[in-house]
N, C-alpha and C. Protein backbone atom coordinates (compact mmCIF):
# COMPACT_ATOMS: atom_id res chain seq x y z
N MET A 1 -14.56 -1.39 -12.00
CA MET A 1 -13.67 -0.76 -11.02
C MET A 1 -14.51 -0.08 -9.93
N ARG A 2 -14.30 -0.50 -8.69
CA ARG A 2 -15.02 0.10 -7.57
C ARG A 2 -14.17 1.18 -6.91
N ILE A 3 -14.81 2.00 -6.09
CA ILE A 3 -14.11 2.98 -5.26
C ILE A 3 -14.02 2.42 -3.85
N HIS A 4 -12.84 2.43 -3.29
CA HIS A 4 -12.62 1.85 -1.97
C HIS A 4 -13.31 2.67 -0.89
N LYS A 5 -13.80 1.99 0.14
CA LYS A 5 -14.53 2.65 1.22
C LYS A 5 -13.67 3.68 1.95
N GLU A 6 -12.32 3.49 1.96
CA GLU A 6 -11.45 4.42 2.67
C GLU A 6 -11.43 5.80 2.01
N GLY A 7 -11.90 5.89 0.78
CA GLY A 7 -11.85 7.17 0.09
C GLY A 7 -13.13 7.98 0.17
N ALA A 8 -14.19 7.41 0.74
CA ALA A 8 -15.51 8.06 0.68
C ALA A 8 -15.49 9.48 1.23
N SER A 9 -14.96 9.68 2.43
CA SER A 9 -15.01 11.01 3.06
C SER A 9 -14.12 11.99 2.33
N ILE A 10 -12.92 11.54 1.91
CA ILE A 10 -11.99 12.44 1.22
C ILE A 10 -12.55 12.87 -0.13
N ILE A 11 -13.13 11.94 -0.85
CA ILE A 11 -13.72 12.28 -2.15
C ILE A 11 -14.88 13.25 -1.98
N LEU A 12 -15.71 13.02 -0.96
CA LEU A 12 -16.85 13.91 -0.70
C LEU A 12 -16.38 15.32 -0.36
N ILE A 13 -15.34 15.43 0.47
CA ILE A 13 -14.81 16.75 0.83
C ILE A 13 -14.23 17.44 -0.40
N THR A 14 -13.48 16.70 -1.20
CA THR A 14 -12.88 17.28 -2.41
C THR A 14 -13.95 17.74 -3.38
N LEU A 15 -14.99 16.92 -3.54
CA LEU A 15 -16.09 17.28 -4.44
C LEU A 15 -16.80 18.54 -3.94
N SER A 16 -17.02 18.64 -2.64
CA SER A 16 -17.70 19.81 -2.08
C SER A 16 -16.87 21.08 -2.28
N LEU A 17 -15.57 20.98 -2.03
CA LEU A 17 -14.70 22.14 -2.21
C LEU A 17 -14.64 22.55 -3.67
N ALA A 18 -14.58 21.55 -4.56
CA ALA A 18 -14.52 21.86 -5.99
C ALA A 18 -15.80 22.55 -6.45
N ALA A 19 -16.93 22.10 -5.94
CA ALA A 19 -18.22 22.71 -6.30
C ALA A 19 -18.29 24.15 -5.82
N ILE A 20 -17.80 24.40 -4.60
CA ILE A 20 -17.80 25.76 -4.06
C ILE A 20 -16.90 26.67 -4.89
N VAL A 21 -15.70 26.18 -5.21
CA VAL A 21 -14.76 26.97 -6.01
C VAL A 21 -15.35 27.29 -7.38
N ALA A 22 -15.94 26.27 -8.03
CA ALA A 22 -16.53 26.48 -9.35
C ALA A 22 -17.68 27.48 -9.30
N ALA A 23 -18.53 27.36 -8.27
CA ALA A 23 -19.68 28.27 -8.15
C ALA A 23 -19.23 29.70 -7.93
N LEU A 24 -18.23 29.89 -7.06
CA LEU A 24 -17.73 31.23 -6.79
C LEU A 24 -17.08 31.84 -8.03
N CYS A 25 -16.35 31.03 -8.76
CA CYS A 25 -15.70 31.54 -9.97
C CYS A 25 -16.73 31.95 -11.03
N LEU A 26 -17.76 31.11 -11.20
CA LEU A 26 -18.79 31.44 -12.18
C LEU A 26 -19.58 32.68 -11.77
N TRP A 27 -19.65 32.92 -10.48
CA TRP A 27 -20.39 34.07 -9.98
C TRP A 27 -19.56 35.36 -10.03
N LEU A 28 -18.27 35.24 -9.70
CA LEU A 28 -17.44 36.43 -9.53
C LEU A 28 -16.57 36.78 -10.74
N LEU A 29 -16.26 35.78 -11.57
CA LEU A 29 -15.32 36.01 -12.65
C LEU A 29 -16.00 35.98 -14.01
N PRO A 30 -15.39 36.59 -15.00
CA PRO A 30 -15.89 36.45 -16.37
C PRO A 30 -15.86 34.98 -16.77
N LEU A 31 -16.74 34.60 -17.67
CA LEU A 31 -16.85 33.19 -18.07
C LEU A 31 -15.53 32.64 -18.59
N ALA A 32 -14.79 33.45 -19.33
CA ALA A 32 -13.52 32.99 -19.91
C ALA A 32 -12.51 32.62 -18.83
N ALA A 33 -12.57 33.28 -17.68
CA ALA A 33 -11.66 32.98 -16.58
C ALA A 33 -12.22 31.89 -15.67
N ALA A 34 -13.54 31.86 -15.53
CA ALA A 34 -14.17 30.90 -14.62
C ALA A 34 -14.10 29.47 -15.14
N LEU A 35 -14.24 29.30 -16.45
CA LEU A 35 -14.26 27.94 -17.00
C LEU A 35 -12.97 27.16 -16.76
N PRO A 36 -11.78 27.74 -17.01
CA PRO A 36 -10.55 26.98 -16.74
C PRO A 36 -10.41 26.57 -15.27
N VAL A 37 -10.81 27.48 -14.36
CA VAL A 37 -10.72 27.15 -12.94
C VAL A 37 -11.69 26.03 -12.59
N SER A 38 -12.88 26.06 -13.16
CA SER A 38 -13.88 25.02 -12.90
C SER A 38 -13.41 23.67 -13.43
N VAL A 39 -12.79 23.69 -14.61
CA VAL A 39 -12.26 22.45 -15.19
C VAL A 39 -11.14 21.91 -14.31
N ALA A 40 -10.28 22.80 -13.79
CA ALA A 40 -9.20 22.38 -12.91
C ALA A 40 -9.75 21.77 -11.62
N ALA A 41 -10.83 22.35 -11.09
CA ALA A 41 -11.45 21.81 -9.89
C ALA A 41 -12.01 20.41 -10.14
N LEU A 42 -12.64 20.23 -11.31
CA LEU A 42 -13.17 18.91 -11.66
C LEU A 42 -12.03 17.91 -11.82
N ALA A 43 -10.92 18.35 -12.44
CA ALA A 43 -9.77 17.47 -12.61
C ALA A 43 -9.21 17.03 -11.27
N ALA A 44 -9.22 17.94 -10.29
CA ALA A 44 -8.75 17.59 -8.95
C ALA A 44 -9.61 16.51 -8.32
N VAL A 45 -10.92 16.60 -8.53
CA VAL A 45 -11.83 15.57 -8.00
C VAL A 45 -11.53 14.23 -8.64
N LEU A 46 -11.36 14.21 -9.95
CA LEU A 46 -11.07 12.95 -10.66
C LEU A 46 -9.72 12.38 -10.22
N PHE A 47 -8.75 13.27 -10.00
CA PHE A 47 -7.42 12.85 -9.57
C PHE A 47 -7.48 12.18 -8.20
N VAL A 48 -8.17 12.82 -7.26
CA VAL A 48 -8.29 12.25 -5.91
C VAL A 48 -9.07 10.94 -5.95
N THR A 49 -10.14 10.91 -6.73
CA THR A 49 -10.96 9.70 -6.84
C THR A 49 -10.13 8.52 -7.35
N SER A 50 -9.19 8.80 -8.27
CA SER A 50 -8.37 7.73 -8.85
C SER A 50 -7.50 7.06 -7.80
N PHE A 51 -7.13 7.80 -6.72
CA PHE A 51 -6.33 7.20 -5.66
C PHE A 51 -7.04 6.04 -4.98
N PHE A 52 -8.36 6.09 -4.97
CA PHE A 52 -9.14 5.14 -4.18
C PHE A 52 -9.84 4.09 -5.03
N ARG A 53 -9.36 3.89 -6.24
CA ARG A 53 -9.94 2.84 -7.07
C ARG A 53 -9.57 1.47 -6.50
N CYS A 54 -10.48 0.54 -6.62
CA CYS A 54 -10.30 -0.79 -6.04
C CYS A 54 -10.62 -1.83 -7.11
N PRO A 55 -9.62 -2.39 -7.76
CA PRO A 55 -9.86 -3.29 -8.90
C PRO A 55 -10.40 -4.65 -8.48
N GLU A 56 -11.18 -5.24 -9.36
CA GLU A 56 -11.64 -6.62 -9.18
C GLU A 56 -10.61 -7.54 -9.84
N ARG A 57 -10.04 -8.46 -9.08
CA ARG A 57 -9.01 -9.34 -9.61
C ARG A 57 -9.29 -10.79 -9.22
N GLU A 58 -8.77 -11.68 -10.05
CA GLU A 58 -8.86 -13.10 -9.73
C GLU A 58 -8.07 -13.38 -8.45
N ILE A 59 -8.67 -14.14 -7.54
CA ILE A 59 -8.01 -14.47 -6.28
C ILE A 59 -7.16 -15.72 -6.48
N LEU A 60 -5.83 -15.56 -6.38
CA LEU A 60 -4.90 -16.67 -6.52
C LEU A 60 -4.45 -17.11 -5.13
N ARG A 61 -4.37 -18.43 -4.92
CA ARG A 61 -3.94 -18.94 -3.63
C ARG A 61 -2.99 -20.12 -3.85
N GLU A 62 -1.76 -19.99 -3.34
CA GLU A 62 -0.75 -21.03 -3.45
C GLU A 62 0.00 -21.12 -2.13
N ASP A 63 0.03 -22.29 -1.54
CA ASP A 63 0.53 -22.46 -0.17
C ASP A 63 1.97 -21.99 0.04
N ASP A 64 2.86 -22.29 -0.90
CA ASP A 64 4.28 -21.98 -0.70
C ASP A 64 4.72 -20.72 -1.42
N THR A 65 3.77 -19.91 -1.85
CA THR A 65 4.08 -18.71 -2.62
C THR A 65 3.75 -17.45 -1.83
N VAL A 66 4.61 -16.46 -1.94
CA VAL A 66 4.36 -15.14 -1.36
C VAL A 66 4.02 -14.19 -2.51
N PHE A 67 2.80 -13.68 -2.50
CA PHE A 67 2.36 -12.77 -3.57
C PHE A 67 2.66 -11.32 -3.19
N SER A 68 2.66 -10.47 -4.19
CA SER A 68 2.88 -9.05 -3.92
C SER A 68 1.71 -8.48 -3.12
N PRO A 69 2.00 -7.75 -2.05
CA PRO A 69 0.92 -7.15 -1.25
C PRO A 69 0.47 -5.79 -1.79
N ALA A 70 1.09 -5.34 -2.89
CA ALA A 70 0.76 -4.01 -3.41
C ALA A 70 1.12 -3.91 -4.88
N ASP A 71 0.49 -2.97 -5.57
CA ASP A 71 0.90 -2.60 -6.92
C ASP A 71 2.08 -1.65 -6.83
N GLY A 72 3.01 -1.75 -7.76
CA GLY A 72 4.12 -0.81 -7.74
C GLY A 72 5.35 -1.34 -8.42
N THR A 73 6.51 -0.85 -7.96
CA THR A 73 7.80 -1.19 -8.53
C THR A 73 8.72 -1.74 -7.45
N VAL A 74 9.43 -2.82 -7.76
CA VAL A 74 10.39 -3.39 -6.81
C VAL A 74 11.60 -2.46 -6.75
N VAL A 75 11.84 -1.85 -5.58
CA VAL A 75 12.93 -0.88 -5.44
C VAL A 75 14.07 -1.39 -4.56
N ALA A 76 13.88 -2.54 -3.92
CA ALA A 76 14.96 -3.09 -3.09
C ALA A 76 14.79 -4.59 -2.95
N ILE A 77 15.90 -5.30 -3.06
CA ILE A 77 15.98 -6.73 -2.73
C ILE A 77 17.32 -6.90 -2.05
N GLU A 78 17.32 -7.12 -0.74
CA GLU A 78 18.58 -7.20 -0.03
C GLU A 78 18.42 -7.97 1.27
N GLU A 79 19.53 -8.45 1.79
CA GLU A 79 19.51 -9.12 3.09
C GLU A 79 19.73 -8.08 4.18
N VAL A 80 18.84 -8.10 5.17
CA VAL A 80 18.92 -7.12 6.25
C VAL A 80 18.70 -7.84 7.58
N GLU A 81 19.04 -7.16 8.66
CA GLU A 81 18.73 -7.67 9.99
C GLU A 81 17.40 -7.08 10.44
N GLU A 82 16.43 -7.94 10.71
CA GLU A 82 15.10 -7.49 11.15
C GLU A 82 15.10 -7.51 12.67
N ASN A 83 14.92 -6.31 13.27
CA ASN A 83 15.12 -6.18 14.71
C ASN A 83 13.85 -5.96 15.53
N GLU A 84 12.70 -5.97 14.89
CA GLU A 84 11.48 -5.76 15.66
C GLU A 84 10.86 -7.06 16.15
N TYR A 85 10.88 -8.08 15.30
CA TYR A 85 10.18 -9.33 15.63
C TYR A 85 11.11 -10.54 15.55
N PHE A 86 11.75 -10.76 14.42
CA PHE A 86 12.57 -11.96 14.23
C PHE A 86 13.93 -11.87 14.90
N HIS A 87 14.54 -10.69 14.85
CA HIS A 87 15.89 -10.48 15.37
C HIS A 87 16.89 -11.42 14.70
N ASP A 88 16.77 -11.52 13.40
CA ASP A 88 17.72 -12.29 12.61
C ASP A 88 17.77 -11.72 11.19
N ASN A 89 18.53 -12.36 10.33
CA ASN A 89 18.66 -11.86 8.97
C ASN A 89 17.51 -12.36 8.09
N ARG A 90 16.98 -11.46 7.28
CA ARG A 90 15.88 -11.76 6.36
C ARG A 90 16.18 -11.11 5.02
N ILE A 91 15.55 -11.61 3.99
CA ILE A 91 15.59 -10.95 2.69
C ILE A 91 14.39 -10.02 2.62
N VAL A 92 14.66 -8.74 2.39
CA VAL A 92 13.58 -7.77 2.26
C VAL A 92 13.36 -7.44 0.79
N VAL A 93 12.11 -7.50 0.38
CA VAL A 93 11.69 -7.07 -0.95
C VAL A 93 10.76 -5.88 -0.76
N SER A 94 11.13 -4.74 -1.33
CA SER A 94 10.36 -3.51 -1.14
C SER A 94 9.62 -3.14 -2.42
N VAL A 95 8.33 -2.86 -2.28
CA VAL A 95 7.50 -2.44 -3.41
C VAL A 95 7.07 -1.00 -3.18
N PHE A 96 7.49 -0.11 -4.09
CA PHE A 96 7.15 1.31 -3.99
C PHE A 96 5.88 1.59 -4.79
N MET A 97 4.91 2.24 -4.14
CA MET A 97 3.65 2.61 -4.77
C MET A 97 3.69 4.11 -5.09
N SER A 98 3.61 4.45 -6.37
CA SER A 98 3.59 5.86 -6.76
C SER A 98 2.17 6.41 -6.63
N LEU A 99 2.04 7.70 -6.89
CA LEU A 99 0.71 8.32 -6.84
C LEU A 99 -0.24 7.72 -7.87
N TRP A 100 0.32 7.06 -8.88
CA TRP A 100 -0.52 6.55 -9.97
C TRP A 100 -0.95 5.11 -9.75
N ASN A 101 -0.37 4.45 -8.75
CA ASN A 101 -0.72 3.05 -8.51
C ASN A 101 -2.00 2.92 -7.69
N VAL A 102 -2.61 1.73 -7.74
CA VAL A 102 -3.67 1.37 -6.80
C VAL A 102 -3.06 1.33 -5.41
N HIS A 103 -3.76 1.82 -4.40
CA HIS A 103 -3.19 1.95 -3.06
C HIS A 103 -3.75 0.94 -2.07
N VAL A 104 -4.55 0.00 -2.54
CA VAL A 104 -5.03 -1.09 -1.68
C VAL A 104 -3.85 -2.01 -1.38
N ASN A 105 -3.83 -2.60 -0.18
CA ASN A 105 -2.83 -3.60 0.18
C ASN A 105 -3.52 -4.92 0.48
N TRP A 106 -2.79 -6.03 0.24
CA TRP A 106 -3.36 -7.37 0.41
C TRP A 106 -2.43 -8.24 1.25
N PHE A 107 -3.00 -9.24 1.92
CA PHE A 107 -2.17 -10.21 2.65
C PHE A 107 -1.43 -11.08 1.65
N PRO A 108 -0.09 -11.16 1.74
CA PRO A 108 0.68 -11.92 0.76
C PRO A 108 0.62 -13.43 0.95
N VAL A 109 0.22 -13.86 2.15
CA VAL A 109 0.11 -15.29 2.46
C VAL A 109 -1.12 -15.50 3.33
N ALA A 110 -1.51 -16.76 3.49
CA ALA A 110 -2.62 -17.11 4.39
C ALA A 110 -2.07 -17.58 5.73
N GLY A 111 -2.85 -17.39 6.79
CA GLY A 111 -2.44 -17.86 8.10
C GLY A 111 -3.13 -17.09 9.21
N THR A 112 -2.51 -17.08 10.38
CA THR A 112 -3.05 -16.39 11.54
C THR A 112 -2.15 -15.20 11.88
N VAL A 113 -2.77 -14.05 12.13
CA VAL A 113 -1.99 -12.86 12.48
C VAL A 113 -1.39 -13.08 13.87
N ASP A 114 -0.06 -13.16 13.91
CA ASP A 114 0.65 -13.45 15.16
C ASP A 114 1.10 -12.19 15.87
N TYR A 115 1.26 -11.10 15.10
CA TYR A 115 1.80 -9.86 15.67
C TYR A 115 1.34 -8.69 14.81
N PHE A 116 0.98 -7.58 15.49
CA PHE A 116 0.64 -6.36 14.76
C PHE A 116 1.00 -5.16 15.62
N ARG A 117 1.59 -4.16 14.98
CA ARG A 117 1.88 -2.92 15.70
C ARG A 117 1.88 -1.76 14.73
N HIS A 118 1.28 -0.65 15.15
CA HIS A 118 1.29 0.59 14.38
C HIS A 118 2.29 1.53 15.04
N HIS A 119 3.30 1.96 14.27
CA HIS A 119 4.32 2.86 14.77
C HIS A 119 4.09 4.26 14.21
N HIS A 120 4.08 5.26 15.07
CA HIS A 120 4.06 6.64 14.61
C HIS A 120 5.49 7.05 14.28
N GLY A 121 5.65 7.95 13.32
CA GLY A 121 7.00 8.32 12.94
C GLY A 121 7.05 9.48 11.98
N LEU A 122 8.15 9.55 11.22
CA LEU A 122 8.40 10.63 10.29
C LEU A 122 7.71 10.38 8.96
N PHE A 123 7.94 11.27 8.00
CA PHE A 123 7.38 11.12 6.67
C PHE A 123 8.47 11.39 5.63
N LEU A 124 9.56 10.61 5.74
CA LEU A 124 10.62 10.69 4.74
C LEU A 124 10.09 10.14 3.42
N VAL A 125 10.75 10.49 2.31
CA VAL A 125 10.36 9.90 1.03
C VAL A 125 10.46 8.38 1.16
N ALA A 126 9.54 7.67 0.55
CA ALA A 126 9.39 6.23 0.80
C ALA A 126 10.59 5.41 0.36
N TRP A 127 11.37 5.92 -0.62
CA TRP A 127 12.51 5.13 -1.07
C TRP A 127 13.77 5.40 -0.23
N HIS A 128 13.66 6.30 0.76
CA HIS A 128 14.79 6.57 1.65
C HIS A 128 15.10 5.32 2.47
N PRO A 129 16.39 4.91 2.59
CA PRO A 129 16.73 3.68 3.32
C PRO A 129 16.21 3.62 4.76
N LYS A 130 16.09 4.80 5.43
CA LYS A 130 15.67 4.81 6.82
C LYS A 130 14.15 4.84 6.99
N SER A 131 13.41 4.95 5.88
CA SER A 131 11.95 5.07 6.01
C SER A 131 11.33 3.82 6.63
N SER A 132 11.94 2.66 6.42
CA SER A 132 11.41 1.41 6.96
C SER A 132 11.45 1.39 8.48
N GLU A 133 12.38 2.17 9.07
CA GLU A 133 12.53 2.19 10.52
C GLU A 133 12.02 3.48 11.16
N ASP A 134 12.04 4.58 10.41
CA ASP A 134 11.74 5.89 11.00
C ASP A 134 10.37 6.45 10.65
N ASN A 135 9.79 6.02 9.53
CA ASN A 135 8.51 6.59 9.10
C ASN A 135 7.33 5.99 9.86
N GLU A 136 6.17 6.64 9.75
CA GLU A 136 4.94 6.01 10.22
C GLU A 136 4.79 4.68 9.47
N ARG A 137 4.43 3.62 10.19
CA ARG A 137 4.39 2.30 9.56
C ARG A 137 3.58 1.34 10.42
N THR A 138 3.17 0.25 9.80
CA THR A 138 2.60 -0.87 10.55
C THR A 138 3.48 -2.08 10.30
N THR A 139 3.56 -2.95 11.29
CA THR A 139 4.25 -4.23 11.14
C THR A 139 3.24 -5.34 11.40
N THR A 140 3.13 -6.27 10.46
CA THR A 140 2.21 -7.39 10.58
C THR A 140 2.97 -8.69 10.34
N VAL A 141 2.77 -9.66 11.21
CA VAL A 141 3.38 -10.99 11.03
C VAL A 141 2.26 -12.02 10.89
N VAL A 142 2.33 -12.80 9.82
CA VAL A 142 1.35 -13.86 9.58
C VAL A 142 2.03 -15.20 9.78
N ASP A 143 1.48 -16.02 10.68
CA ASP A 143 1.98 -17.38 10.95
C ASP A 143 1.26 -18.33 10.01
N MET A 144 2.04 -18.95 9.11
CA MET A 144 1.48 -19.85 8.11
C MET A 144 1.35 -21.28 8.65
N GLY A 145 1.70 -21.45 9.92
CA GLY A 145 1.67 -22.79 10.50
C GLY A 145 3.08 -23.32 10.66
N GLY A 146 3.93 -22.49 11.24
CA GLY A 146 5.33 -22.85 11.42
C GLY A 146 6.26 -21.88 10.71
N ARG A 147 5.86 -21.40 9.56
CA ARG A 147 6.61 -20.39 8.83
C ARG A 147 5.91 -19.05 9.01
N LYS A 148 6.70 -18.01 9.22
CA LYS A 148 6.12 -16.70 9.46
C LYS A 148 6.66 -15.68 8.47
N ILE A 149 5.75 -14.84 7.98
CA ILE A 149 6.10 -13.78 7.05
C ILE A 149 5.74 -12.44 7.68
N LEU A 150 6.70 -11.50 7.64
CA LEU A 150 6.47 -10.16 8.17
C LEU A 150 6.39 -9.18 7.01
N PHE A 151 5.43 -8.28 7.07
CA PHE A 151 5.41 -7.20 6.08
C PHE A 151 5.06 -5.89 6.76
N ARG A 152 5.57 -4.80 6.16
CA ARG A 152 5.35 -3.46 6.70
C ARG A 152 4.70 -2.57 5.66
N GLN A 153 3.68 -1.85 6.09
CA GLN A 153 3.13 -0.74 5.31
C GLN A 153 3.86 0.51 5.79
N ILE A 154 4.43 1.27 4.88
CA ILE A 154 5.26 2.41 5.25
C ILE A 154 4.73 3.67 4.59
N ALA A 155 4.47 4.69 5.40
CA ALA A 155 4.03 5.98 4.86
C ALA A 155 5.21 6.70 4.23
N GLY A 156 4.92 7.60 3.31
CA GLY A 156 5.98 8.35 2.64
C GLY A 156 5.80 9.84 2.80
N LEU A 157 6.36 10.58 1.85
CA LEU A 157 6.33 12.03 1.92
C LEU A 157 4.91 12.58 1.79
N VAL A 158 4.09 11.93 0.94
CA VAL A 158 2.72 12.39 0.70
C VAL A 158 1.74 11.68 1.62
N ALA A 159 1.90 10.37 1.78
CA ALA A 159 0.95 9.59 2.59
C ALA A 159 0.98 10.06 4.04
N ARG A 160 -0.17 10.17 4.65
CA ARG A 160 -0.27 10.60 6.03
C ARG A 160 -1.14 9.67 6.88
N ARG A 161 -1.68 8.64 6.27
CA ARG A 161 -2.49 7.73 7.06
C ARG A 161 -2.43 6.33 6.49
N ILE A 162 -2.10 5.39 7.37
CA ILE A 162 -2.08 3.97 7.00
C ILE A 162 -3.27 3.30 7.67
N VAL A 163 -4.01 2.51 6.91
CA VAL A 163 -5.13 1.75 7.43
C VAL A 163 -4.77 0.27 7.36
N SER A 164 -4.94 -0.46 8.45
CA SER A 164 -4.71 -1.90 8.45
C SER A 164 -5.91 -2.61 9.05
N TYR A 165 -6.26 -3.75 8.45
CA TYR A 165 -7.37 -4.55 8.95
C TYR A 165 -6.87 -5.77 9.74
N ALA A 166 -5.56 -5.86 9.97
CA ALA A 166 -4.98 -7.01 10.68
C ALA A 166 -5.35 -6.98 12.15
N ARG A 167 -5.74 -8.12 12.68
CA ARG A 167 -6.06 -8.25 14.10
C ARG A 167 -5.38 -9.51 14.63
N VAL A 168 -4.62 -9.36 15.70
CA VAL A 168 -3.88 -10.50 16.25
C VAL A 168 -4.84 -11.63 16.61
N GLY A 169 -4.50 -12.84 16.19
CA GLY A 169 -5.32 -14.01 16.46
C GLY A 169 -6.32 -14.34 15.38
N HIS A 170 -6.54 -13.42 14.44
CA HIS A 170 -7.52 -13.65 13.38
C HIS A 170 -6.88 -14.40 12.22
N ARG A 171 -7.65 -15.28 11.62
CA ARG A 171 -7.24 -16.00 10.42
C ARG A 171 -7.42 -15.09 9.21
N VAL A 172 -6.42 -15.05 8.33
CA VAL A 172 -6.51 -14.23 7.12
C VAL A 172 -6.27 -15.12 5.90
N GLU A 173 -6.90 -14.77 4.80
CA GLU A 173 -6.75 -15.52 3.56
C GLU A 173 -5.76 -14.82 2.65
N GLN A 174 -5.00 -15.61 1.93
CA GLN A 174 -4.04 -15.06 0.98
C GLN A 174 -4.75 -14.20 -0.06
N ASN A 175 -4.18 -13.02 -0.30
CA ASN A 175 -4.69 -12.07 -1.29
C ASN A 175 -6.04 -11.45 -0.94
N SER A 176 -6.44 -11.56 0.34
CA SER A 176 -7.57 -10.77 0.81
C SER A 176 -7.04 -9.40 1.23
N GLN A 177 -7.91 -8.39 1.29
CA GLN A 177 -7.44 -7.04 1.60
C GLN A 177 -6.93 -6.96 3.04
N CYS A 178 -5.76 -6.33 3.19
CA CYS A 178 -5.21 -6.14 4.54
C CYS A 178 -5.20 -4.68 4.94
N GLY A 179 -5.47 -3.77 4.00
CA GLY A 179 -5.47 -2.36 4.38
C GLY A 179 -5.30 -1.43 3.20
N PHE A 180 -4.88 -0.21 3.52
CA PHE A 180 -4.82 0.85 2.52
C PHE A 180 -3.81 1.89 3.01
N ILE A 181 -2.97 2.40 2.09
CA ILE A 181 -2.09 3.52 2.42
C ILE A 181 -2.59 4.69 1.59
N LYS A 182 -3.11 5.70 2.24
CA LYS A 182 -3.72 6.81 1.52
C LYS A 182 -2.64 7.64 0.81
N PHE A 183 -2.77 7.71 -0.50
CA PHE A 183 -1.88 8.46 -1.38
C PHE A 183 -0.51 7.81 -1.54
N GLY A 184 -0.47 6.50 -1.48
CA GLY A 184 0.72 5.79 -1.91
C GLY A 184 1.75 5.54 -0.83
N SER A 185 2.90 5.03 -1.21
CA SER A 185 4.06 4.82 -0.37
C SER A 185 4.72 3.48 -0.67
N ARG A 186 4.90 2.62 0.35
CA ARG A 186 5.74 1.45 0.16
C ARG A 186 5.32 0.32 1.08
N VAL A 187 5.54 -0.93 0.61
CA VAL A 187 5.33 -2.11 1.44
C VAL A 187 6.60 -2.95 1.38
N ASP A 188 7.11 -3.34 2.55
CA ASP A 188 8.30 -4.19 2.64
C ASP A 188 7.88 -5.59 3.07
N LEU A 189 8.42 -6.59 2.40
CA LEU A 189 8.21 -7.99 2.75
C LEU A 189 9.51 -8.55 3.31
N PHE A 190 9.46 -9.15 4.51
CA PHE A 190 10.64 -9.76 5.11
C PHE A 190 10.50 -11.28 5.01
N LEU A 191 11.37 -11.88 4.21
CA LEU A 191 11.25 -13.30 3.85
C LEU A 191 12.40 -14.10 4.43
N PRO A 192 12.20 -15.42 4.63
CA PRO A 192 13.30 -16.27 5.10
C PRO A 192 14.50 -16.18 4.17
N ALA A 193 15.69 -16.33 4.74
CA ALA A 193 16.92 -16.18 3.97
C ALA A 193 17.04 -17.20 2.85
N ASP A 194 16.34 -18.34 2.98
CA ASP A 194 16.43 -19.37 1.93
C ASP A 194 15.28 -19.31 0.93
N ALA A 195 14.47 -18.25 0.99
CA ALA A 195 13.36 -18.12 0.03
C ALA A 195 13.90 -17.90 -1.38
N GLU A 196 13.19 -18.44 -2.35
CA GLU A 196 13.55 -18.24 -3.76
C GLU A 196 12.84 -16.97 -4.25
N ILE A 197 13.61 -15.95 -4.53
CA ILE A 197 13.05 -14.67 -4.97
C ILE A 197 12.74 -14.75 -6.47
N LEU A 198 11.52 -14.38 -6.84
CA LEU A 198 11.04 -14.55 -8.21
C LEU A 198 10.97 -13.24 -8.98
N VAL A 199 11.37 -12.13 -8.34
CA VAL A 199 11.34 -10.82 -9.01
C VAL A 199 12.74 -10.23 -8.98
N LYS A 200 12.94 -9.16 -9.73
CA LYS A 200 14.22 -8.46 -9.72
C LYS A 200 13.98 -6.96 -9.61
N LEU A 201 15.03 -6.22 -9.31
CA LEU A 201 14.92 -4.78 -9.16
C LEU A 201 14.34 -4.15 -10.41
N GLY A 202 13.42 -3.22 -10.20
CA GLY A 202 12.82 -2.51 -11.32
C GLY A 202 11.58 -3.16 -11.88
N ASP A 203 11.27 -4.39 -11.44
CA ASP A 203 10.07 -5.07 -11.94
C ASP A 203 8.81 -4.33 -11.51
N LYS A 204 7.85 -4.23 -12.41
CA LYS A 204 6.52 -3.74 -12.08
C LYS A 204 5.71 -4.93 -11.56
N VAL A 205 5.10 -4.78 -10.39
CA VAL A 205 4.36 -5.89 -9.79
C VAL A 205 2.91 -5.48 -9.56
N THR A 206 2.05 -6.48 -9.52
CA THR A 206 0.61 -6.26 -9.32
C THR A 206 0.17 -7.01 -8.08
N GLY A 207 -0.43 -6.30 -7.15
CA GLY A 207 -0.91 -6.94 -5.92
C GLY A 207 -1.87 -8.07 -6.22
N THR A 208 -1.72 -9.17 -5.52
CA THR A 208 -2.52 -10.40 -5.61
C THR A 208 -2.20 -11.24 -6.85
N GLN A 209 -1.41 -10.72 -7.77
CA GLN A 209 -1.17 -11.42 -9.02
C GLN A 209 0.31 -11.80 -9.24
N THR A 210 1.23 -10.96 -8.79
CA THR A 210 2.65 -11.22 -9.02
C THR A 210 3.23 -12.04 -7.90
N ARG A 211 3.93 -13.11 -8.26
CA ARG A 211 4.60 -13.98 -7.29
C ARG A 211 5.94 -13.36 -6.92
N ILE A 212 6.11 -13.01 -5.66
CA ILE A 212 7.33 -12.38 -5.19
C ILE A 212 8.39 -13.42 -4.83
N ALA A 213 7.96 -14.49 -4.17
CA ALA A 213 8.93 -15.48 -3.70
C ALA A 213 8.25 -16.83 -3.53
N ARG A 214 9.08 -17.87 -3.54
CA ARG A 214 8.61 -19.21 -3.25
C ARG A 214 9.34 -19.70 -2.02
N LEU A 215 8.60 -20.22 -1.03
CA LEU A 215 9.19 -20.67 0.22
C LEU A 215 9.57 -22.13 0.17
N LYS A 216 10.60 -22.48 0.94
CA LYS A 216 10.99 -23.89 1.04
C LYS A 216 9.90 -24.66 1.77
N PRO A 217 9.58 -25.87 1.31
CA PRO A 217 8.54 -26.66 2.00
C PRO A 217 8.93 -26.96 3.44
């Protein structure tokens, strides 16, 4: 298990603060009081470090399959009108990432990045219906060569920064890293209305490993 590069500065800051707190407590407080605080500071470092773990996984690639772009739980499967890019009806599959999930995101399909935009916004809880439109988010569209898949990284109540590696015109490989949402949140996949959905509400999914949908040839 590696630590993701996006966590380096945050982990270093947390470690420094924890060391200062522990040193001050050991200096100013009786040992019986200082030890619990020092242990709590160490636990905070381990907790923050766990957010930035980056697992090594087998890279799966299937032309007509849409893989999960994130670890988490399927919290929505519904037909919606997508008004930013397609301006038509799509099936949206939403994956909610809790504080305990891996927070790396991956490209669900291979192709060329046709569209990318970072929207500033609110920080509603990620499962709120309006978070897909009102929260800080990125929108990425991958052109598979005639078929296009749109997905959104959405910040939540805790998350305050979304990182995306998508660049318009660049070729991306299926299940390669597309970014990171610091401290969790949600990813929405907008699929063609005739896609065969392979998951159901409440399913636990694993990024790069779980098949979300199968596209018509």
